[in-house]
Amino acid sequence: MEYNTVREGLRLPEYGRHIQKLVSYAQTLEDRAERQDVVEQIIQMMGFLNPNLKNEADFKHKLWDHIFTISNFELECDSPYPKPTPETVYAKPEPLPYPNHRIKYRHYGMNLEAMIKKAAAMEDEEKKAEFTRLIAMFMKRTYSNYNKEGVNDEIIRGDIARISNGELEIAEDQAIRVKTYNNKNKNRRRNNNNNGNNNKNKKRYRR
């Protein structure tokens, strides 16, 4: 009996030990044509074992990469694709740079400065004014979530001017209106509808 503790580790466990043994067998074949034939049959079996890969565009390419990986990149055969190397298969992705940009106004979120830069770069004055108005509405709604006591338009006007270095402004006579949703009214309407439906059902049962 062969115990797992003395067996060679599985290089790609999803294919199981049987496929790994077949690949090892193919590597022992001295006749290249015979070895090629066995390898192509193993590739077909690997496709049957991983039907989920068939939906991917590079399905065949992945199977060939996998068989070379199972052979520890020592299999000698003709592949329709470039032979992979341990460096390409096991390469670790470059770590993403951690953003070191300090957000001056955290309560508005990190996208606000990008929005303001985009508005400031607009050449069409009408579009610039409209986009600035939308930014101001966004700022007011976001600030209201941050400060439950509410926010007045003067705060928004001052902040948008400071963040844009004076390139954007909201006129003093221009109100910054933000739609508010009254959940109490919604719940009241929902309760009234439920009560109405219950009354209808009661009348129906009385008949």
Protein backbone atom coordinates (compact mmCIF):
# COMPACT_ATOMS: atom_id res chain seq x y z
CA MET A 1 0.00 0.00 0.00
CA GLU A 2 1.25 3.46 -0.93
CA TYR A 3 0.73 6.09 1.77
CA ASN A 4 0.17 9.79 1.08
CA THR A 5 3.12 10.67 3.33
CA VAL A 6 5.58 8.96 0.97
CA ARG A 7 3.93 10.05 -2.28
CA GLU A 8 5.21 12.89 -4.38
CA GLY A 9 3.20 16.05 -3.77
CA LEU A 10 0.53 16.98 -6.29
CA ARG A 11 1.65 19.94 -8.39
CA LEU A 12 -1.90 20.75 -9.53
CA PRO A 13 -4.33 19.02 -7.13
CA GLU A 14 -7.38 19.76 -9.30
CA TYR A 15 -6.21 17.11 -11.78
CA GLY A 16 -5.53 14.43 -9.19
CA ARG A 17 -2.75 11.89 -8.84
CA HIS A 18 -3.82 9.80 -11.85
CA ILE A 19 -3.08 12.60 -14.32
CA GLN A 20 0.24 13.33 -12.62
CA LYS A 21 1.22 9.67 -12.99
CA LEU A 22 0.27 9.70 -16.68
CA VAL A 23 2.41 12.79 -17.25
CA SER A 24 5.32 11.10 -15.46
CA TYR A 25 4.80 8.05 -17.68
CA ALA A 26 4.84 10.22 -20.81
CA GLN A 27 8.17 11.67 -19.72
CA THR A 28 9.71 8.17 -19.66
CA LEU A 29 8.83 7.47 -23.31
CA GLU A 30 11.92 7.71 -25.48
CA ASP A 31 10.11 7.78 -28.82
CA ARG A 32 9.12 11.42 -29.39
CA ALA A 33 6.17 10.62 -31.67
CA GLU A 34 4.74 8.14 -29.15
CA ARG A 35 5.31 10.64 -26.33
CA GLN A 36 3.55 13.36 -28.31
CA ASP A 37 0.55 11.10 -28.91
CA VAL A 38 0.28 10.24 -25.20
CA VAL A 39 0.61 13.91 -24.19
CA GLU A 40 -2.23 14.95 -26.51
CA GLN A 41 -4.45 12.20 -25.06
CA ILE A 42 -3.63 13.43 -21.55
CA ILE A 43 -4.57 16.98 -22.63
CA GLN A 44 -8.01 15.68 -23.69
CA MET A 45 -8.49 13.95 -20.34
CA MET A 46 -7.51 17.13 -18.51
CA GLY A 47 -10.18 19.01 -20.48
CA PHE A 48 -12.82 16.49 -19.38
CA LEU A 49 -11.74 16.88 -15.75
CA ASN A 50 -12.02 20.68 -15.91
CA PRO A 51 -15.12 21.46 -18.01
CA ASN A 52 -15.39 24.89 -16.36
CA LEU A 53 -12.30 26.00 -18.30
CA LYS A 54 -14.10 25.49 -21.63
CA ASN A 55 -15.90 28.79 -21.19
CA GLU A 56 -12.59 30.65 -21.21
CA ALA A 57 -11.13 32.00 -24.45
CA ASP A 58 -7.65 30.53 -23.84
CA PHE A 59 -8.96 27.12 -22.75
CA LYS A 60 -6.45 25.03 -24.75
CA HIS A 61 -3.57 27.30 -23.85
CA LYS A 62 -4.27 26.83 -20.14
CA LEU A 63 -4.35 23.03 -20.50
CA TRP A 64 -0.92 23.03 -22.13
CA ASP A 65 0.46 25.33 -19.46
CA HIS A 66 -0.97 23.00 -16.83
CA ILE A 67 0.57 19.83 -18.29
CA PHE A 68 4.00 21.48 -18.35
CA THR A 69 3.48 22.59 -14.75
CA ILE A 70 2.54 19.04 -13.70
CA SER A 71 5.76 17.77 -15.34
CA ASN A 72 7.76 20.32 -13.35
CA PHE A 73 8.48 22.02 -16.70
CA GLU A 74 10.59 19.05 -17.81
CA LEU A 75 8.23 17.55 -20.41
CA GLU A 76 9.70 17.51 -23.92
CA CYS A 77 6.96 17.71 -26.55
CA ASP A 78 5.59 19.93 -29.31
CA SER A 79 3.13 22.50 -28.02
CA PRO A 80 1.05 24.93 -30.11
CA TYR A 81 1.88 27.56 -27.50
CA PRO A 82 5.11 28.92 -26.00
CA LYS A 83 6.40 26.64 -23.27
CA PRO A 84 5.88 28.23 -19.84
CA THR A 85 8.61 28.60 -17.25
CA PRO A 86 8.43 28.56 -13.45
CA GLU A 87 9.07 32.31 -13.52
CA THR A 88 6.01 33.00 -15.70
CA VAL A 89 3.68 30.55 -13.93
CA TYR A 90 4.61 31.38 -10.35
CA ALA A 91 5.37 35.06 -10.86
CA LYS A 92 3.87 37.22 -8.12
CA PRO A 93 2.03 40.35 -9.24
CA GLU A 94 3.65 43.66 -8.47
CA PRO A 95 2.24 45.11 -5.24
CA LEU A 96 -0.16 47.95 -5.85
CA PRO A 97 1.22 51.29 -4.72
CA TYR A 98 -0.45 52.50 -1.55
CA PRO A 99 -2.05 55.89 -2.13
CA ASN A 100 -0.09 58.45 -0.15
CA HIS A 101 -2.27 61.37 -1.20
CA ARG A 102 -3.69 63.02 1.89
CA ILE A 103 -7.39 63.82 1.70
CA LYS A 104 -7.94 67.32 3.04
CA TYR A 105 -11.72 67.04 3.34
CA ARG A 106 -12.39 63.45 4.38
CA HIS A 107 -16.12 63.95 4.85
CA TYR A 108 -16.50 64.56 1.10
CA GLY A 109 -14.64 61.40 0.11
CA MET A 110 -11.53 60.89 -2.00
CA ASN A 111 -13.20 61.43 -5.40
CA LEU A 112 -14.20 65.04 -4.81
CA GLU A 113 -10.83 66.56 -5.69
CA ALA A 114 -10.77 64.67 -9.00
CA MET A 115 -14.28 65.95 -9.80
CA ILE A 116 -13.26 69.52 -9.01
CA LYS A 117 -10.13 69.26 -11.17
CA LYS A 118 -12.26 68.00 -14.05
CA ALA A 119 -14.69 70.90 -13.66
CA ALA A 120 -11.88 73.46 -13.44
CA ALA A 121 -10.37 72.16 -16.69
CA MET A 122 -13.61 72.59 -18.67
CA GLU A 123 -13.47 75.29 -21.34
CA ASP A 124 -17.21 75.49 -21.98
CA GLU A 125 -18.38 77.94 -19.31
CA GLU A 126 -21.99 76.74 -19.40
CA LYS A 127 -21.01 73.09 -18.89
CA LYS A 128 -18.50 74.15 -16.25
CA ALA A 129 -21.17 76.02 -14.28
CA GLU A 130 -23.60 73.09 -14.51
CA PHE A 131 -20.96 70.57 -13.41
CA THR A 132 -19.98 72.87 -10.53
CA ARG A 133 -23.62 73.02 -9.44
CA LEU A 134 -23.82 69.21 -9.44
CA ILE A 135 -20.60 69.01 -7.41
CA ALA A 136 -22.06 71.44 -4.88
CA MET A 137 -25.20 69.30 -4.56
CA PHE A 138 -23.03 66.21 -4.06
CA MET A 139 -20.99 68.02 -1.39
CA LYS A 140 -24.09 69.16 0.46
CA ARG A 141 -25.62 65.69 0.50
CA THR A 142 -22.33 64.10 1.61
CA TYR A 143 -21.78 66.74 4.30
CA SER A 144 -25.33 66.15 5.58
CA ASN A 145 -24.51 62.47 6.06
CA TYR A 146 -21.35 63.46 7.95
CA ASN A 147 -23.00 66.17 10.05
CA LYS A 148 -26.52 65.20 11.08
CA GLU A 149 -27.25 68.72 12.34
CA GLY A 150 -27.34 69.96 8.77
CA VAL A 151 -25.24 72.23 6.62
CA ASN A 152 -25.84 75.64 5.09
CA ASP A 153 -24.95 76.78 1.59
CA GLU A 154 -22.22 79.14 2.82
CA ILE A 155 -20.13 76.20 4.05
CA ILE A 156 -20.39 74.49 0.66
CA ARG A 157 -19.55 77.71 -1.23
CA GLY A 158 -16.49 78.26 0.94
CA ASP A 159 -15.27 74.67 0.66
CA ILE A 160 -15.67 74.45 -3.12
CA ALA A 161 -13.76 77.72 -3.54
CA ARG A 162 -10.94 76.57 -1.24
CA ILE A 163 -10.57 73.10 -2.76
CA SER A 164 -10.54 74.53 -6.31
CA ASN A 165 -8.14 77.34 -5.35
CA GLY A 166 -10.75 79.87 -6.37
CA GLU A 167 -11.33 78.41 -9.86
CA LEU A 168 -14.90 77.31 -9.09
CA GLU A 169 -17.58 79.26 -7.32
CA ILE A 170 -21.28 79.17 -6.59
CA ALA A 171 -23.08 82.51 -6.79
CA GLU A 172 -24.44 83.94 -3.52
CA ASP A 173 -27.96 84.06 -4.93
CA GLN A 174 -27.82 80.47 -6.18
CA ALA A 175 -29.40 78.04 -3.73
CA ILE A 176 -27.90 74.57 -3.47
CA ARG A 177 -30.95 72.34 -3.41
CA VAL A 178 -30.71 68.69 -2.50
CA LYS A 179 -33.65 66.30 -2.61
CA THR A 180 -34.52 64.81 0.74
CA TYR A 181 -36.56 61.70 1.33
CA ASN A 182 -38.93 61.52 4.26
CA ASN A 183 -38.89 57.92 5.43
CA LYS A 184 -41.60 58.64 8.01
CA ASN A 185 -44.07 59.59 5.30
CA LYS A 186 -43.12 56.50 3.32
CA ASN A 187 -43.68 54.26 6.34
CA ARG A 188 -46.98 56.02 7.11
CA ARG A 189 -48.22 55.44 3.55
CA ARG A 190 -47.12 51.81 3.70
CA ASN A 191 -48.96 51.28 7.00
CA ASN A 192 -52.10 52.94 5.62
CA ASN A 193 -52.01 50.65 2.60
CA ASN A 194 -51.59 47.61 4.83
CA ASN A 195 -54.51 48.71 7.04
CA GLY A 196 -56.67 49.25 3.96
CA ASN A 197 -55.85 45.78 2.67
CA ASN A 198 -56.61 44.24 6.07
CA ASN A 199 -60.01 46.00 6.19
CA LYS A 200 -60.85 44.70 2.72
CA ASN A 201 -59.95 41.17 3.77
CA LYS A 202 -62.13 41.47 6.90
CA LYS A 203 -65.14 42.59 4.82
CA ARG A 204 -64.57 39.72 2.43
CA TYR A 205 -64.60 37.16 5.25
CA ARG A 206 -67.79 38.63 6.78
CA ARG A 207 -69.68 37.76 3.62
